C-alpha atoms as a PDB file:
ATOM      1  CA  MET A   1     119.534  70.388 104.203  1.00  0.00           C
ATOM      2  CA  HIS A   2     122.158  68.574 106.204  1.00  0.00           C
ATOM      3  CA  PRO A   3     124.230  69.715 109.178  1.00  0.00           C
ATOM      4  CA  TYR A   4     127.792  70.571 108.239  1.00  0.00           C
ATOM      5  CA  ARG A   5     130.299  70.538 111.041  1.00  0.00           C
ATOM      6  CA  THR A   6     134.021  71.000 111.096  1.00  0.00           C
ATOM      7  CA  GLY A   7     136.339  71.759 113.982  1.00  0.00           C
ATOM      8  CA  ARG A   8     135.475  75.434 113.635  1.00  0.00           C
ATOM      9  CA  GLU A   9     131.772  74.796 114.310  1.00  0.00           C
ATOM     10  CA  LEU A  10     132.573  72.516 117.263  1.00  0.00           C
ATOM     11  CA  VAL A  11     134.928  75.047 118.865  1.00  0.00           C
ATOM     12  CA  ARG A  12     132.605  78.008 118.322  1.00  0.00           C
ATOM     13  CA  ARG A  13     129.499  75.967 119.136  1.00  0.00           C
ATOM     14  CA  THR A  14     127.743  77.145 116.017  1.00  0.00           C
ATOM     15  CA  ASP A  15     125.604  75.385 113.473  1.00  0.00           C
ATOM     16  CA  ARG A  16     126.133  75.498 109.760  1.00  0.00           C
ATOM     17  CA  TRP A  17     123.917  73.843 107.194  1.00  0.00           C
ATOM     18  CA  CYS A  18     124.644  72.635 103.718  1.00  0.00           C
ATOM     19  CA  LEU A  19     122.105  72.268 100.931  1.00  0.00           C
ATOM     20  CA  TRP A  20     122.907  69.185  98.859  1.00  0.00           C
ATOM     21  CA  LEU A  21     121.710  69.602  95.294  1.00  0.00           C
ATOM     22  CA  VAL A  22     121.088  66.475  93.240  1.00  0.00           C
ATOM     23  CA  ASP A  23     122.040  66.294  89.551  1.00  0.00           C
ATOM     24  CA  ILE A  24     123.669  69.724  89.483  1.00  0.00           C
ATOM     25  CA  GLU A  25     127.071  70.111  87.876  1.00  0.00           C
ATOM     26  CA  PRO A  26     129.690  72.243  89.696  1.00  0.00           C
ATOM     27  CA  SER A  27     129.810  74.593  86.693  1.00  0.00           C
ATOM     28  CA  GLU A  28     126.077  75.250  87.123  1.00  0.00           C
ATOM     29  CA  LEU A  29     126.548  76.090  90.793  1.00  0.00           C
ATOM     30  CA  LYS A  30     129.212  78.632  89.917  1.00  0.00           C
ATOM     31  CA  GLN A  31     126.812  80.335  87.500  1.00  0.00           C
ATOM     32  CA  SER A  32     123.851  80.370  89.861  1.00  0.00           C
ATOM     33  CA  PRO A  33     124.620  83.632  91.710  1.00  0.00           C
ATOM     34  CA  SER A  34     125.047  85.543  88.452  1.00  0.00           C
ATOM     35  CA  ILE A  35     121.920  84.005  86.931  1.00  0.00           C
ATOM     36  CA  ARG A  36     119.923  84.851  90.042  1.00  0.00           C
ATOM     37  CA  LYS A  37     121.179  88.443  89.974  1.00  0.00           C
ATOM     38  CA  SER A  38     120.297  88.730  86.287  1.00  0.00           C
ATOM     39  CA  ILE A  39     116.768  87.450  86.874  1.00  0.00           C
ATOM     40  CA  ILE A  40     116.244  89.846  89.792  1.00  0.00           C
ATOM     41  CA  ALA A  41     117.578  92.801  87.772  1.00  0.00           C
ATOM     42  CA  ALA A  42     115.344  91.935  84.800  1.00  0.00           C
ATOM     43  CA  GLY A  43     112.333  91.553  87.104  1.00  0.00           C
ATOM     44  CA  ARG A  44     113.009  94.981  88.562  1.00  0.00           C
ATOM     45  CA  THR A  45     113.078  96.382  85.037  1.00  0.00           C
ATOM     46  CA  VAL A  46     109.570  94.990  84.503  1.00  0.00           C
ATOM     47  CA  LEU A  47     108.371  96.602  87.743  1.00  0.00           C
ATOM     48  CA  ALA A  48     109.976  99.913  86.786  1.00  0.00           C
ATOM     49  CA  ALA A  49     108.304  99.815  83.362  1.00  0.00           C
ATOM     50  CA  ARG A  50     104.925  99.180  85.009  1.00  0.00           C
ATOM     51  CA  ALA A  51     105.525 102.136  87.325  1.00  0.00           C
ATOM     52  CA  ASN A  52     105.913 104.357  84.247  1.00  0.00           C
ATOM     53  CA  HIS A  53     102.190 103.869  83.596  1.00  0.00           C
ATOM     54  CA  PRO A  54     100.464 104.516  86.940  1.00  0.00           C
ATOM     55  CA  GLY A  55      96.959 105.089  85.604  1.00  0.00           C
ATOM     56  CA  GLN A  56      96.712 101.821  83.699  1.00  0.00           C
ATOM     57  CA  SER A  57      95.377  98.527  85.000  1.00  0.00           C
ATOM     58  CA  LEU A  58      97.274  95.275  84.448  1.00  0.00           C
ATOM     59  CA  ALA A  59      94.653  94.351  81.846  1.00  0.00           C
ATOM     60  CA  ASP A  60      95.476  97.563  79.967  1.00  0.00           C
ATOM     61  CA  LEU A  61      99.229  97.132  80.364  1.00  0.00           C
ATOM     62  CA  TYR A  62      99.195  93.555  79.104  1.00  0.00           C
ATOM     63  CA  ASP A  63      96.813  93.987  76.181  1.00  0.00           C
ATOM     64  CA  PRO A  64      98.894  92.605  73.285  1.00  0.00           C
ATOM     65  CA  LEU A  65      97.691  95.356  70.956  1.00  0.00           C
ATOM     66  CA  THR A  66      98.403  98.304  73.247  1.00  0.00           C
ATOM     67  CA  MET A  67     101.207  97.099  75.548  1.00  0.00           C
ATOM     68  CA  PRO A  68     103.604  99.992  76.206  1.00  0.00           C
ATOM     69  CA  PRO A  69     106.902  99.528  74.333  1.00  0.00           C
ATOM     70  CA  ASP A  70     109.028  99.910  77.469  1.00  0.00           C
ATOM     71  CA  LEU A  71     107.079  97.150  79.240  1.00  0.00           C
ATOM     72  CA  ARG A  72     107.345  94.887  76.192  1.00  0.00           C
ATOM     73  CA  ARG A  73     111.141  95.440  76.093  1.00  0.00           C
ATOM     74  CA  ALA A  74     111.412  94.769  79.837  1.00  0.00           C
ATOM     75  CA  HIS A  75     109.558  91.461  79.487  1.00  0.00           C
ATOM     76  CA  GLU A  76     111.689  90.522  76.512  1.00  0.00           C
ATOM     77  CA  ARG A  77     114.795  91.130  78.624  1.00  0.00           C
ATOM     78  CA  LEU A  78     113.347  89.006  81.444  1.00  0.00           C
ATOM     79  CA  ASP A  79     112.472  86.187  79.037  1.00  0.00           C
ATOM     80  CA  LYS A  80     115.996  86.207  77.588  1.00  0.00           C
ATOM     81  CA  VAL A  81     117.364  85.512  81.073  1.00  0.00           C
ATOM     82  CA  VAL A  82     114.663  83.162  82.373  1.00  0.00           C
ATOM     83  CA  ASP A  83     114.291  80.866  79.347  1.00  0.00           C
ATOM     84  CA  PRO A  84     117.847  79.456  79.486  1.00  0.00           C
ATOM     85  CA  ALA A  85     117.960  79.583  83.290  1.00  0.00           C
ATOM     86  CA  PHE A  86     114.890  77.364  83.581  1.00  0.00           C
ATOM     87  CA  GLY A  87     116.007  74.718  81.155  1.00  0.00           C
ATOM     88  CA  ASP A  88     115.911  75.774  77.534  1.00  0.00           C
ATOM     89  CA  ASP A  89     119.127  76.224  75.601  1.00  0.00           C
ATOM     90  CA  LYS A  90     118.046  79.508  74.042  1.00  0.00           C
ATOM     91  CA  TRP A  91     115.676  82.449  74.262  1.00  0.00           C
ATOM     92  CA  LEU A  92     112.221  81.282  73.147  1.00  0.00           C
ATOM     93  CA  LYS A  93     111.190  84.681  71.729  1.00  0.00           C
ATOM     94  CA  ASP A  94     107.386  84.834  71.444  1.00  0.00           C
ATOM     95  CA  ASP A  95     106.774  81.084  71.835  1.00  0.00           C
ATOM     96  CA  ASP A  96     104.653  81.155  74.987  1.00  0.00           C
ATOM     97  CA  GLU A  97     103.660  77.482  74.680  1.00  0.00           C
ATOM     98  CA  ALA A  98     107.308  76.390  74.644  1.00  0.00           C
ATOM     99  CA  ARG A  99     108.026  78.714  77.586  1.00  0.00           C
ATOM    100  CA  LEU A 100     105.205  77.165  79.611  1.00  0.00           C
ATOM    101  CA  ARG A 101     106.501  73.659  78.812  1.00  0.00           C
ATOM    102  CA  VAL A 102     109.989  74.638  80.042  1.00  0.00           C
ATOM    103  CA  LEU A 103     108.684  76.299  83.208  1.00  0.00           C
ATOM    104  CA  PHE A 104     106.316  73.454  84.118  1.00  0.00           C
ATOM    105  CA  ALA A 105     108.984  70.809  83.393  1.00  0.00           C
ATOM    106  CA  GLY A 106     111.354  72.696  85.707  1.00  0.00           C
ATOM    107  CA  TYR A 107     108.675  72.886  88.377  1.00  0.00           C
ATOM    108  CA  ALA A 108     107.991  69.139  88.038  1.00  0.00           C
ATOM    109  CA  ARG A 109     111.741  68.389  88.472  1.00  0.00           C
ATOM    110  CA  MET A 110     111.917  70.594  91.564  1.00  0.00           C
ATOM    111  CA  THR A 111     108.871  69.054  93.231  1.00  0.00           C
ATOM    112  CA  ALA A 112     109.457  65.391  92.289  1.00  0.00           C
END
């Protein structure tokens, strides 16, 4: 974060800050708000699907053999948004190992 001051900030005696992002293309910045909204909406779908099954524990909900169809669809929707947003060029379908590689590589870039 860096201070960002123009005449407006000096006259009004206000502070404004700018977040400088390294290695981000302007086209990616333009997409960020829509990607963020899509991820939030898909996450809410997962939470809503979980709420449809109030008597079940997370272990029951996430058992691969008995996972409720609506929860499975909600996670599929979330994966379709998150996979490309976090660095892959496509939806990874059921490839959890590839998904973990993408997520951890993204985390390593962010924390380096």
